[in-house]
């Protein structure tokens, strides 16, 4: 190597005369190209082996020639095992035709790159959605030599996109449901309320069995309509829960009664209570709906009949005991609804809580039931577990925190129920709602003054100081809504019992900030007994005018 940096190859050859001929060939450029090639190969090998993206080289027939560790880890195979396989064999069967098309060189070009999404089958049988890029590499003769395949796992990204779409879908559902909820609940209140009055009037008479059955069927249908709108609103977070301390046995027994009437005769319904703690804090209507939803799902899982079991138990969770469920240590009331039906596959069980996911045929299921149940239980501070074995059945268990019974509050409610001959102002812009509520109040022995808006109510109250209680709808036309009216009246009558009525979850959330010992919120649609209980809860009594 001379000082000028050039590289020469020296060769010697002896002549016939015994001499020596030396030949010097400048190979500097050849050596530089060789070094660059080796460096390029080292760089490619480093990228190939250390890339987070899966990379493989394939023969023109689609067989894997080389693969990096990333691809082997993605698919759960050893790298050596992959190199005995064809790409075709790793793809989900219904997408193999697309895979084969990806590997066919173009008839018009010897160079191309194609990108598509393919579903790979991992070694454990699970699936991986991947963005797959395939390019043709030319050989020295400028003809296709092999493929370079890059594989990027996009399973999580697509799942996140699907969740976002589901959230947007739920938001749209919520916007639609929220828009019609007020008017729809007004209509249901009129239907349920008057039917409950008819049922009460006929309950003590004889010879009206057919009419009573007709009314009960209509009440059951109105309850399902109420549950449907509540499900839509709860999923979209537009429905405010109204938690109360209750004995779950009463709710379960009512659900059992309805299920026995609803389910076919070849399904046995049994209830089992275990333990001695059955009080919890929850929205009674939502809990009732949740149990009915689970019961109807069990019915669909037993097309040939079977046994539906509802088991209520006291459950203590010690620190570190709950591994499968994120339950805090403490006492819980568990409600398990089980069947001996067809059960579910593991992949189905993982998805049953997704919004709008259903295994039922078109028109047979909304996909909202279990989603609503799950959301409700979590709002209560609990959780839900699902156990299922194909061919043996499914058990869905709700865990809700135990709550001490509030006997003192119940005593106050019972003492309040004895109040009669009160002056009540009833405010609602719907005349039929007012007529129904007036019937209830009149049967309780109260005097009722009606108003269609807040301004008319204030005029009446100013002219008639002997006010005992105010019942007002929240959403009304005019400058003042029901909450504004309640605040104005409170300035005049300190401690006045007030019952706020609404058919909107958003309005209920606003009204919840006003709740105290003398103020309650009741949501439409309600029936006669629910209105009476709400009146009792505010401890109605005559108060003195303070201004």
Protein backbone atom coordinates (compact mmCIF):
# COMPACT_ATOMS: atom_id res chain seq x y z
CA UNK A 1 0.00 0.00 0.00
CA UNK A 2 1.81 3.18 -1.13
CA UNK A 3 1.62 6.46 0.74
CA UNK A 4 -1.02 7.80 -1.61
CA UNK A 5 -3.59 5.42 -0.08
CA UNK A 6 -4.09 3.38 -3.19
CA UNK A 7 -4.31 -0.39 -2.89
CA UNK A 8 -2.59 -2.67 -5.37
CA UNK A 9 -2.54 -6.40 -5.87
CA UNK A 10 0.88 -7.76 -6.81
CA UNK A 11 1.19 -10.97 -8.74
CA UNK A 12 4.34 -12.74 -9.87
CA UNK A 13 4.91 -15.02 -12.79
CA UNK A 14 8.10 -16.82 -13.74
CA UNK A 15 9.21 -16.76 -17.34
CA UNK A 16 10.67 -19.67 -19.32
CA UNK A 17 14.05 -18.07 -19.03
CA UNK A 18 13.84 -18.27 -15.25
CA UNK A 19 13.10 -14.63 -14.72
CA UNK A 20 10.27 -13.11 -12.71
CA UNK A 21 7.58 -10.79 -14.03
CA UNK A 22 5.71 -8.71 -11.46
CA UNK A 23 2.21 -7.35 -12.23
CA UNK A 24 0.65 -4.58 -10.13
CA UNK A 25 -3.16 -4.12 -10.31
CA UNK A 26 -4.91 -1.15 -8.69
CA UNK A 27 -7.82 -2.66 -6.66
CA UNK A 28 -8.56 0.41 -4.55
CA UNK A 29 -12.07 0.87 -5.92
CA UNK A 30 -12.87 -2.82 -5.65
CA UNK A 31 -11.78 -2.83 -1.99
CA UNK A 32 -13.84 0.28 -1.22
CA UNK A 33 -16.91 -1.26 -2.82
CA UNK A 34 -16.33 -4.48 -0.89
CA UNK A 35 -16.03 -2.54 2.40
CA UNK A 36 -19.18 -0.58 1.64
CA UNK A 37 -21.01 -3.81 0.87
CA UNK A 38 -19.90 -5.39 4.15
CA UNK A 39 -20.92 -2.24 6.06
CA UNK A 40 -24.27 -2.21 4.29
CA UNK A 41 -24.80 -5.87 5.18
CA UNK A 42 -23.93 -5.20 8.83
CA UNK A 43 -26.34 -2.27 8.91
CA UNK A 44 -29.12 -4.34 7.29
CA UNK A 45 -28.49 -7.20 9.72
CA UNK A 46 -28.65 -4.80 12.70
CA UNK A 47 -31.91 -3.30 11.44
CA UNK A 48 -33.31 -6.72 10.58
CA UNK A 49 -32.52 -8.23 13.96
CA UNK A 50 -33.30 -5.24 16.21
CA UNK A 51 -36.38 -3.77 14.53
CA UNK A 52 -39.59 -3.70 16.55
CA UNK A 53 -41.42 -4.40 13.31
CA UNK A 54 -41.59 -7.98 12.14
CA UNK A 55 -39.45 -8.56 9.04
CA UNK A 56 -39.04 -11.65 6.87
CA UNK A 57 -37.63 -12.52 3.49
CA UNK A 58 -39.72 -14.84 1.35
CA UNK A 59 -39.03 -16.89 -1.70
CA UNK A 60 -41.08 -16.06 -4.79
CA UNK A 61 -43.23 -19.04 -3.82
CA UNK A 62 -44.06 -17.43 -0.47
CA UNK A 63 -41.91 -19.65 1.79
CA UNK A 64 -40.16 -17.90 4.67
CA UNK A 65 -36.40 -17.84 4.11
CA UNK A 66 -35.35 -15.65 7.03
CA UNK A 67 -37.17 -13.90 9.87
CA UNK A 68 -36.27 -11.58 12.72
CA UNK A 69 -37.04 -12.15 16.39
CA UNK A 70 -39.76 -9.49 16.42
CA UNK A 71 -41.93 -11.41 13.96
CA UNK A 72 -41.33 -14.69 15.79
CA UNK A 73 -42.37 -13.08 19.10
CA UNK A 74 -45.44 -11.47 17.55
CA UNK A 75 -46.66 -14.83 16.29
CA UNK A 76 -45.48 -16.95 19.21
CA UNK A 77 -43.31 -19.27 17.08
CA UNK A 78 -39.63 -20.09 17.24
CA UNK A 79 -37.74 -18.44 14.39
CA UNK A 80 -36.53 -21.86 13.18
CA UNK A 81 -40.11 -23.14 13.09
CA UNK A 82 -41.22 -20.16 11.01
CA UNK A 83 -38.58 -20.82 8.37
CA UNK A 84 -40.24 -24.10 7.48
CA UNK A 85 -43.60 -22.41 6.82
CA UNK A 86 -45.26 -20.51 4.03
CA UNK A 87 -46.78 -17.08 4.68
CA UNK A 88 -50.08 -18.48 3.38
CA UNK A 89 -50.20 -20.91 6.34
CA UNK A 90 -49.98 -18.09 8.91
CA UNK A 91 -52.95 -16.14 7.58
CA UNK A 92 -56.58 -16.54 8.66
CA UNK A 93 -58.26 -18.91 6.15
CA UNK A 94 -60.79 -16.40 4.82
CA UNK A 95 -57.95 -13.97 3.97
CA UNK A 96 -55.53 -16.37 2.30
CA UNK A 97 -56.71 -15.41 -1.16
CA UNK A 98 -55.71 -11.81 -0.45
CA UNK A 99 -52.36 -13.06 0.84
CA UNK A 100 -51.73 -15.05 -2.33
CA UNK A 101 -52.60 -12.03 -4.47
CA UNK A 102 -50.11 -9.95 -2.48
CA UNK A 103 -47.27 -12.30 -3.43
CA UNK A 104 -47.92 -12.45 -7.17
CA UNK A 105 -45.36 -10.32 -9.10
CA UNK A 106 -46.92 -7.81 -11.45
CA UNK A 107 -46.89 -8.83 -15.07
CA UNK A 108 -46.05 -5.28 -16.12
CA UNK A 109 -43.36 -4.46 -13.56
CA UNK A 110 -40.53 -6.29 -11.85
CA UNK A 111 -40.58 -3.89 -8.92
CA UNK A 112 -43.42 -3.05 -6.59
CA UNK A 113 -44.54 -2.69 -2.98
CA UNK A 114 -48.02 -3.47 -1.69
CA UNK A 115 -49.55 -2.63 1.69
CA UNK A 116 -52.62 -4.29 3.14
CA UNK A 117 -54.06 -5.49 6.45
CA UNK A 118 -54.08 -9.21 7.10
CA UNK A 119 -55.15 -11.26 10.11
CA UNK A 120 -52.41 -13.64 11.27
CA UNK A 121 -53.03 -16.72 13.39
CA UNK A 122 -50.66 -16.97 16.34
CA UNK A 123 -49.25 -20.24 17.64
CA UNK A 124 -51.77 -20.24 20.52
CA UNK A 125 -54.71 -19.88 18.11
CA UNK A 126 -55.37 -16.19 18.84
CA UNK A 127 -55.51 -13.65 16.05
CA UNK A 128 -53.35 -10.63 15.27
CA UNK A 129 -54.39 -7.88 12.88
CA UNK A 130 -51.31 -6.55 11.10
CA UNK A 131 -50.44 -3.93 8.53
CA UNK A 132 -48.43 -5.91 6.03
CA UNK A 133 -46.04 -4.46 3.47
CA UNK A 134 -44.55 -6.66 0.77
CA UNK A 135 -41.88 -5.56 -1.70
CA UNK A 136 -40.11 -7.41 -4.54
CA UNK A 137 -36.32 -7.39 -4.52
CA UNK A 138 -34.43 -7.71 -7.84
CA UNK A 139 -31.47 -9.99 -8.36
CA UNK A 140 -28.26 -9.30 -10.26
CA UNK A 141 -30.06 -10.04 -13.51
CA UNK A 142 -32.69 -7.39 -12.62
CA UNK A 143 -35.34 -10.05 -12.34
CA UNK A 144 -37.47 -10.66 -9.19
CA UNK A 145 -35.34 -12.52 -6.67
CA UNK A 146 -37.36 -12.61 -3.43
CA UNK A 147 -39.84 -10.69 -1.27
CA UNK A 148 -39.19 -8.55 1.79
CA UNK A 149 -42.15 -8.61 4.16
CA UNK A 150 -42.73 -6.16 7.02
CA UNK A 151 -45.44 -6.83 9.62
CA UNK A 152 -46.73 -4.24 12.13
CA UNK A 153 -49.17 -5.37 14.83
CA UNK A 154 -52.14 -2.95 14.72
CA UNK A 155 -54.52 -5.05 16.86
CA UNK A 156 -54.49 -2.61 19.81
CA UNK A 157 -54.75 0.41 17.53
CA UNK A 158 -57.78 -1.00 15.73
CA UNK A 159 -59.38 -1.99 19.03
CA UNK A 160 -58.89 1.58 20.26
CA UNK A 161 -60.45 2.89 17.05
CA UNK A 162 -63.38 0.52 17.51
CA UNK A 163 -63.83 1.69 21.10
CA UNK A 164 -63.80 5.28 19.90
CA UNK A 165 -66.41 4.47 17.26
CA UNK A 166 -68.50 2.70 19.90
CA UNK A 167 -68.19 5.73 22.17
CA UNK A 168 -69.25 8.01 19.33
CA UNK A 169 -72.11 5.67 18.55
CA UNK A 170 -73.19 5.71 22.20
CA UNK A 171 -72.94 9.50 22.22
CA UNK A 172 -75.23 9.61 19.19
CA UNK A 173 -77.63 7.19 20.87
CA UNK A 174 -77.49 9.32 24.00
CA UNK A 175 -78.20 12.51 22.09
CA UNK A 176 -81.20 10.88 20.43
CA UNK A 177 -82.46 9.32 23.66
CA UNK A 178 -81.91 12.54 25.61
CA UNK A 179 -83.86 14.48 23.01
CA UNK A 180 -86.96 12.31 23.27
CA UNK A 181 -86.68 11.25 26.93
CA UNK A 182 -88.65 14.14 28.44
CA UNK A 183 -91.68 13.82 26.16
CA UNK A 184 -91.51 10.03 26.12
CA UNK A 185 -91.40 9.85 29.91
CA UNK A 186 -94.34 12.26 30.16
CA UNK A 187 -96.40 9.91 28.02
CA UNK A 188 -95.28 6.88 30.04
CA UNK A 189 -96.13 8.63 33.31
CA UNK A 190 -99.70 9.19 32.14
CA UNK A 191 -100.01 5.56 30.99
CA UNK A 192 -98.35 3.92 34.01
CA UNK A 193 -99.93 6.25 36.53
CA UNK A 194 -103.51 5.82 35.42
CA UNK A 195 -103.10 2.09 34.90
CA UNK A 196 -101.79 1.76 38.47
CA UNK A 197 -104.87 3.64 39.71
CA UNK A 198 -107.15 1.33 37.73
CA UNK A 199 -105.34 -1.71 39.08
CA UNK A 200 -105.74 -0.43 42.63
CA UNK A 201 -109.47 0.28 42.15
CA UNK A 202 -110.11 -3.19 40.71
CA UNK A 203 -108.00 -5.09 43.24
CA UNK A 204 -110.77 -5.22 45.85
CA UNK A 205 -113.57 -6.21 43.50
CA UNK A 206 -114.69 -9.59 42.25
CA UNK A 207 -115.49 -10.63 38.69
CA UNK A 208 -112.80 -8.43 37.12
CA UNK A 209 -110.03 -11.00 36.70
CA UNK A 210 -109.80 -10.43 32.93
CA UNK A 211 -109.58 -6.67 33.34
CA UNK A 212 -106.94 -6.98 36.05
CA UNK A 213 -104.87 -9.26 33.81
CA UNK A 214 -105.19 -6.81 30.91
CA UNK A 215 -104.06 -3.95 33.14
CA UNK A 216 -101.13 -5.95 34.52
CA UNK A 217 -99.99 -6.80 30.99
CA UNK A 218 -100.19 -3.13 30.01
CA UNK A 219 -98.25 -2.13 33.14
CA UNK A 220 -95.61 -4.74 32.33
CA UNK A 221 -95.26 -3.35 28.79
CA UNK A 222 -94.96 0.21 30.09
CA UNK A 223 -92.28 -0.96 32.53
CA UNK A 224 -90.30 -2.46 29.64
CA UNK A 225 -90.61 0.82 27.74
CA UNK A 226 -89.33 2.65 30.81
CA UNK A 227 -86.42 0.22 31.14
CA UNK A 228 -85.47 0.66 27.49
CA UNK A 229 -85.23 4.45 27.65
CA UNK A 230 -83.31 4.18 30.94
CA UNK A 231 -80.87 1.73 29.35
CA UNK A 232 -80.16 4.11 26.50
CA UNK A 233 -79.72 7.05 28.84
CA UNK A 234 -77.56 5.18 31.34
CA UNK A 235 -75.14 3.93 28.68
CA UNK A 236 -74.68 7.48 27.38
CA UNK A 237 -74.35 8.79 30.99
CA UNK A 238 -77.41 10.99 30.60
CA UNK A 239 -79.51 9.29 33.24
CA UNK A 240 -78.87 10.07 36.89
CA UNK A 241 -79.04 7.11 39.27
CA UNK A 242 -81.26 7.53 42.35
CA UNK A 243 -79.59 5.30 44.97
CA UNK A 244 -81.54 4.32 48.10
CA UNK A 245 -80.83 1.84 50.86
CA UNK A 246 -82.94 -1.24 50.15
CA UNK A 247 -83.35 -4.90 50.98
CA UNK A 248 -82.34 -6.77 47.82
CA UNK A 249 -84.65 -9.67 48.72
CA UNK A 250 -87.71 -7.54 47.93
CA UNK A 251 -86.33 -6.63 44.50
CA UNK A 252 -85.36 -10.23 43.72
CA UNK A 253 -88.76 -11.59 44.75
CA UNK A 254 -90.49 -9.04 42.52
CA UNK A 255 -88.19 -9.96 39.63
CA UNK A 256 -88.88 -13.67 40.26
CA UNK A 257 -92.62 -13.01 40.07
CA UNK A 258 -92.30 -11.20 36.76
CA UNK A 259 -89.92 -13.78 35.30
CA UNK A 260 -92.30 -16.63 36.16
CA UNK A 261 -95.03 -14.80 34.26
CA UNK A 262 -92.75 -13.96 31.34
CA UNK A 263 -90.67 -17.10 30.82
CA UNK A 264 -92.05 -20.22 29.12
CA UNK A 265 -93.39 -23.01 31.31
CA UNK A 266 -90.44 -25.32 30.61
CA UNK A 267 -88.08 -23.01 32.52
CA UNK A 268 -88.04 -23.38 36.29
CA UNK A 269 -87.22 -20.22 38.30
CA UNK A 270 -85.81 -20.62 41.81
CA UNK A 271 -84.45 -18.17 44.38
CA UNK A 272 -82.00 -18.91 47.17
CA UNK A 273 -80.99 -16.48 49.95
CA UNK A 274 -77.78 -17.26 51.82
CA UNK A 275 -76.40 -15.33 54.77
CA UNK A 276 -77.93 -12.59 56.89
CA UNK A 277 -76.93 -9.28 55.23
CA UNK A 278 -79.09 -8.25 52.28
CA UNK A 279 -79.24 -4.43 52.38
CA UNK A 280 -77.38 -2.39 49.81
CA UNK A 281 -77.46 1.09 48.32
CA UNK A 282 -78.58 1.23 44.69
CA UNK A 283 -81.17 2.60 42.31
CA UNK A 284 -84.07 0.20 42.87
CA UNK A 285 -85.43 0.54 39.34
CA UNK A 286 -82.03 -0.14 37.74
CA UNK A 287 -81.37 -3.13 40.01
CA UNK A 288 -84.77 -4.58 39.12
CA UNK A 289 -84.07 -4.02 35.42
CA UNK A 290 -80.59 -5.58 35.71
CA UNK A 291 -81.97 -8.80 37.23
CA UNK A 292 -84.71 -8.99 34.59
CA UNK A 293 -82.15 -8.49 31.80
CA UNK A 294 -80.02 -11.32 33.14
CA UNK A 295 -83.11 -13.53 33.47
CA UNK A 296 -84.17 -12.88 29.87
CA UNK A 297 -80.63 -13.61 28.63
CA UNK A 298 -80.77 -16.91 30.53
CA UNK A 299 -84.09 -17.71 28.85
CA UNK A 300 -82.52 -17.21 25.41
CA UNK A 301 -79.68 -19.55 26.42
CA UNK A 302 -82.19 -22.32 27.22
CA UNK A 303 -84.30 -22.73 24.06
CA UNK A 304 -85.39 -26.20 25.17
CA UNK A 305 -86.10 -25.22 28.76
CA UNK A 306 -84.04 -25.55 31.90
CA UNK A 307 -83.41 -24.09 35.35
CA UNK A 308 -82.92 -20.39 36.11
CA UNK A 309 -81.33 -19.83 39.55
CA UNK A 310 -81.11 -16.50 41.39
CA UNK A 311 -78.79 -16.75 44.39
CA UNK A 312 -78.36 -13.85 46.82
CA UNK A 313 -75.54 -14.11 49.34
CA UNK A 314 -73.48 -12.15 51.85
CA UNK A 315 -69.86 -11.96 50.69
CA UNK A 316 -66.80 -10.71 52.59
CA UNK A 317 -63.72 -9.70 50.59
CA UNK A 318 -60.46 -9.70 52.56
CA UNK A 319 -57.37 -7.67 51.52
CA UNK A 320 -55.66 -9.39 48.62
CA UNK A 321 -58.46 -11.93 48.26
CA UNK A 322 -60.03 -10.52 45.10
CA UNK A 323 -57.70 -11.20 42.17
CA UNK A 324 -60.08 -11.55 39.25
CA UNK A 325 -62.32 -8.62 40.25
CA UNK A 326 -61.13 -5.13 41.30
CA UNK A 327 -63.14 -5.21 44.54
CA UNK A 328 -61.99 -3.24 47.56
CA UNK A 329 -61.90 -5.17 50.84
CA UNK A 330 -65.25 -5.10 52.61
CA UNK A 331 -68.73 -6.55 52.71
CA UNK A 332 -70.75 -7.15 49.56
CA UNK A 333 -74.14 -8.48 48.61
CA UNK A 334 -73.84 -10.79 45.59
CA UNK A 335 -76.70 -11.50 43.21
CA UNK A 336 -75.94 -14.44 40.90
CA UNK A 337 -78.21 -15.31 37.98
CA UNK A 338 -77.35 -18.71 36.54
CA UNK A 339 -78.72 -21.10 33.93
CA UNK A 340 -77.95 -24.57 32.62
CA UNK A 341 -78.20 -23.54 28.98
CA UNK A 342 -75.84 -23.61 26.02
CA UNK A 343 -73.06 -21.52 27.59
CA UNK A 344 -70.59 -19.33 25.71
CA UNK A 345 -67.26 -19.74 23.95
CA UNK A 346 -64.31 -17.97 25.58
CA UNK A 347 -64.03 -15.39 22.77
CA UNK A 348 -67.73 -14.53 23.11
CA UNK A 349 -67.50 -14.25 26.89
CA UNK A 350 -64.70 -11.68 26.53
CA UNK A 351 -66.93 -9.43 24.40
CA UNK A 352 -70.37 -9.69 26.01
CA UNK A 353 -69.95 -6.43 27.96
CA UNK A 354 -69.17 -4.41 24.82
CA UNK A 355 -71.88 -1.90 23.81
CA UNK A 356 -74.14 -3.17 21.00
CA UNK A 357 -72.45 -6.60 20.94
CA UNK A 358 -75.04 -9.36 20.72
CA UNK A 359 -75.08 -13.01 19.71
CA UNK A 360 -78.78 -12.89 18.96
CA UNK A 361 -80.23 -12.73 15.47
CA UNK A 362 -81.14 -9.43 13.86
CA UNK A 363 -84.08 -7.80 15.61
CA UNK A 364 -83.84 -10.14 18.62
CA UNK A 365 -81.34 -8.22 20.74
CA UNK A 366 -80.08 -4.65 21.09
CA UNK A 367 -76.69 -5.47 22.61
CA UNK A 368 -77.40 -2.95 25.38
CA UNK A 369 -78.57 -5.21 28.22
CA UNK A 370 -75.30 -6.45 29.73
CA UNK A 371 -73.58 -3.14 29.00
CA UNK A 372 -76.25 -1.36 31.02
CA UNK A 373 -75.95 -3.92 33.85
CA UNK A 374 -72.17 -3.55 33.96
CA UNK A 375 -72.35 0.25 34.00
CA UNK A 376 -74.99 0.23 36.74
CA UNK A 377 -73.01 -2.13 39.01
CA UNK A 378 -69.84 -0.07 38.62
CA UNK A 379 -71.77 3.11 39.46
CA UNK A 380 -72.75 1.35 42.71
CA UNK A 381 -69.07 0.73 43.51
CA UNK A 382 -69.21 -2.97 42.68
CA UNK A 383 -68.28 -5.26 39.82
CA UNK A 384 -69.60 -8.08 37.66
CA UNK A 385 -68.21 -11.56 36.97
CA UNK A 386 -69.21 -13.94 34.19
CA UNK A 387 -68.56 -17.68 34.30
CA UNK A 388 -69.60 -19.85 31.39
CA UNK A 389 -68.90 -23.34 30.08
CA UNK A 390 -70.16 -24.44 26.68
CA UNK A 391 -72.89 -26.99 27.05
CA UNK A 392 -73.21 -26.47 30.82
CA UNK A 393 -74.47 -22.92 31.29
CA UNK A 394 -73.64 -19.40 32.39
CA UNK A 395 -73.66 -17.55 35.72
CA UNK A 396 -73.49 -13.77 35.93
CA UNK A 397 -72.79 -12.43 39.42
CA UNK A 398 -73.28 -8.83 40.55
CA UNK A 399 -71.24 -7.65 43.56
CA UNK A 400 -72.66 -4.53 45.25
CA UNK A 401 -71.31 -3.06 48.53
CA UNK A 402 -73.34 -3.88 51.61
CA UNK A 403 -75.07 -0.94 53.33
CA UNK A 404 -76.56 -0.70 56.81
CA UNK A 405 -80.36 -0.45 56.88
CA UNK A 406 -81.66 3.03 57.62
CA UNK A 407 -84.42 2.26 60.06
CA UNK A 408 -84.59 5.81 61.41
CA UNK A 409 -85.35 7.20 57.98
CA UNK A 410 -88.04 4.59 57.50
CA UNK A 411 -89.65 5.60 60.80
CA UNK A 412 -89.69 9.26 59.72
CA UNK A 413 -91.30 8.26 56.43
CA UNK A 414 -94.00 6.23 58.21
CA UNK A 415 -94.79 9.11 60.56
CA UNK A 416 -94.98 11.52 57.64
CA UNK A 417 -97.48 9.30 55.83
CA UNK A 418 -100.11 10.19 58.37
CA UNK A 419 -100.32 13.84 57.24
CA UNK A 420 -103.60 14.80 55.54
CA UNK A 421 -105.57 17.91 54.46
CA UNK A 422 -102.52 19.77 53.10
CA UNK A 423 -102.51 22.65 50.63
CA UNK A 424 -100.36 21.54 47.71
CA UNK A 425 -99.41 23.54 44.61
CA UNK A 426 -98.94 21.26 41.59
CA UNK A 427 -96.99 22.71 38.65
CA UNK A 428 -96.57 21.01 35.24
CA UNK A 429 -97.07 22.23 31.69
CA UNK A 430 -98.66 18.90 30.74
CA UNK A 431 -102.36 18.92 31.70
CA UNK A 432 -102.63 15.12 31.70
CA UNK A 433 -99.68 14.80 34.09
CA UNK A 434 -101.35 17.33 36.40
CA UNK A 435 -104.65 15.46 36.21
CA UNK A 436 -103.01 12.16 37.20
CA UNK A 437 -101.02 13.70 40.07
CA UNK A 438 -104.11 15.58 41.28
CA UNK A 439 -106.03 12.28 41.49
CA UNK A 440 -103.29 10.81 43.69
CA UNK A 441 -103.14 13.84 45.97
CA UNK A 442 -106.92 14.02 46.26
CA UNK A 443 -107.09 10.35 47.24
CA UNK A 444 -104.53 11.09 49.94
CA UNK A 445 -106.83 13.79 51.24
CA UNK A 446 -104.88 16.87 50.10
CA UNK A 447 -106.19 20.09 48.54
CA UNK A 448 -104.57 20.80 45.17
CA UNK A 449 -104.04 24.05 43.25
CA UNK A 450 -102.74 23.61 39.69
CA UNK A 451 -100.46 25.82 37.59
CA UNK A 452 -99.08 25.33 34.07
CA UNK A 453 -95.86 27.31 34.60
CA UNK A 454 -93.67 28.87 37.29
CA UNK A 455 -95.06 32.39 36.88
CA UNK A 456 -98.65 31.22 37.44
CA UNK A 457 -97.53 29.19 40.46
CA UNK A 458 -95.81 32.21 42.04
CA UNK A 459 -98.93 34.31 41.51
CA UNK A 460 -101.08 31.72 43.27
CA UNK A 461 -98.61 31.29 46.14
CA UNK A 462 -98.43 35.04 46.72
CA UNK A 463 -102.22 35.23 46.95
CA UNK A 464 -102.60 32.11 49.13
CA UNK A 465 -100.13 32.05 52.05
CA UNK A 466 -101.28 28.71 53.53
CA UNK A 467 -99.01 26.59 51.36
CA UNK A 468 -98.05 23.12 52.71
CA UNK A 469 -95.99 21.62 49.87
CA UNK A 470 -94.84 22.28 46.31
CA UNK A 471 -94.74 19.66 43.55
CA UNK A 472 -93.23 20.95 40.32
CA UNK A 473 -91.90 19.65 37.05
CA UNK A 474 -88.38 20.90 36.27
CA UNK A 475 -88.55 21.42 32.50
CA UNK A 476 -91.26 23.98 31.72
CA UNK A 477 -91.74 26.82 29.23
CA UNK A 478 -91.07 30.39 30.33
CA UNK A 479 -88.17 32.22 31.95
CA UNK A 480 -88.27 30.14 35.13
CA UNK A 481 -87.96 26.36 35.29
CA UNK A 482 -88.90 24.15 38.23
CA UNK A 483 -85.55 24.59 40.01
CA UNK A 484 -85.82 28.38 39.75
CA UNK A 485 -89.37 28.17 41.10
CA UNK A 486 -88.26 25.99 44.03
CA UNK A 487 -85.57 28.51 44.98
CA UNK A 488 -87.98 31.43 44.80
CA UNK A 489 -90.52 29.60 46.95
CA UNK A 490 -87.83 28.68 49.48
CA UNK A 491 -87.12 32.39 49.93
CA UNK A 492 -90.76 32.83 50.99
CA UNK A 493 -91.36 29.53 52.85
CA UNK A 494 -88.32 28.36 54.76
CA UNK A 495 -88.25 24.57 55.09
CA UNK A 496 -91.19 23.99 52.73
CA UNK A 497 -91.41 20.36 51.50
CA UNK A 498 -90.69 20.35 47.77
CA UNK A 499 -90.94 17.47 45.30
CA UNK A 500 -89.15 18.05 41.98
CA UNK A 501 -90.33 15.95 39.02
CA UNK A 502 -88.38 15.37 35.82
CA UNK A 503 -88.20 13.09 32.81
CA UNK A 504 -84.64 14.14 31.96
CA UNK A 505 -81.44 12.73 33.44
CA UNK A 506 -79.59 16.02 32.97
CA UNK A 507 -82.29 17.91 34.85
CA UNK A 508 -82.17 15.30 37.62
CA UNK A 509 -78.44 15.89 38.04
CA UNK A 510 -79.04 19.63 38.40
CA UNK A 511 -81.85 19.05 40.88
CA UNK A 512 -79.73 16.66 42.97
CA UNK A 513 -77.75 19.65 44.28
CA UNK A 514 -80.93 20.90 46.00
CA UNK A 515 -81.82 17.64 47.76
CA UNK A 516 -82.06 17.81 51.53
CA UNK A 517 -84.46 16.63 54.24
CA UNK A 518 -87.35 18.66 52.73
CA UNK A 519 -86.54 18.29 49.03
CA UNK A 520 -86.66 15.17 46.87
CA UNK A 521 -86.43 14.41 43.17
CA UNK A 522 -88.63 11.80 41.46
CA UNK A 523 -88.07 10.77 37.87
CA UNK A 524 -90.73 10.06 35.31
CA UNK A 525 -92.29 7.74 34.48
CA UNK A 526 -93.70 6.93 37.93
CA UNK A 527 -96.86 5.22 39.12
CA UNK A 528 -99.18 5.99 42.01
CA UNK A 529 -97.24 4.14 44.72
CA UNK A 530 -93.93 5.75 43.70
CA UNK A 531 -95.45 9.23 43.93
CA UNK A 532 -96.94 8.45 47.33
CA UNK A 533 -93.58 7.17 48.63
CA UNK A 534 -91.83 10.30 47.37
CA UNK A 535 -94.34 12.50 49.20
CA UNK A 536 -93.85 10.52 52.38
CA UNK A 537 -90.07 10.84 52.10
CA UNK A 538 -90.15 14.66 52.32
CA UNK A 539 -92.08 14.54 55.61
CA UNK A 540 -94.80 16.96 54.45
CA UNK A 541 -96.13 19.28 57.14
CA UNK A 542 -97.57 22.77 57.34
CA UNK A 543 -94.92 25.48 57.69
CA UNK A 544 -95.05 29.11 58.66
CA UNK A 545 -94.55 31.95 56.26
CA UNK A 546 -91.23 33.75 57.00
CA UNK A 547 -91.44 36.67 54.58
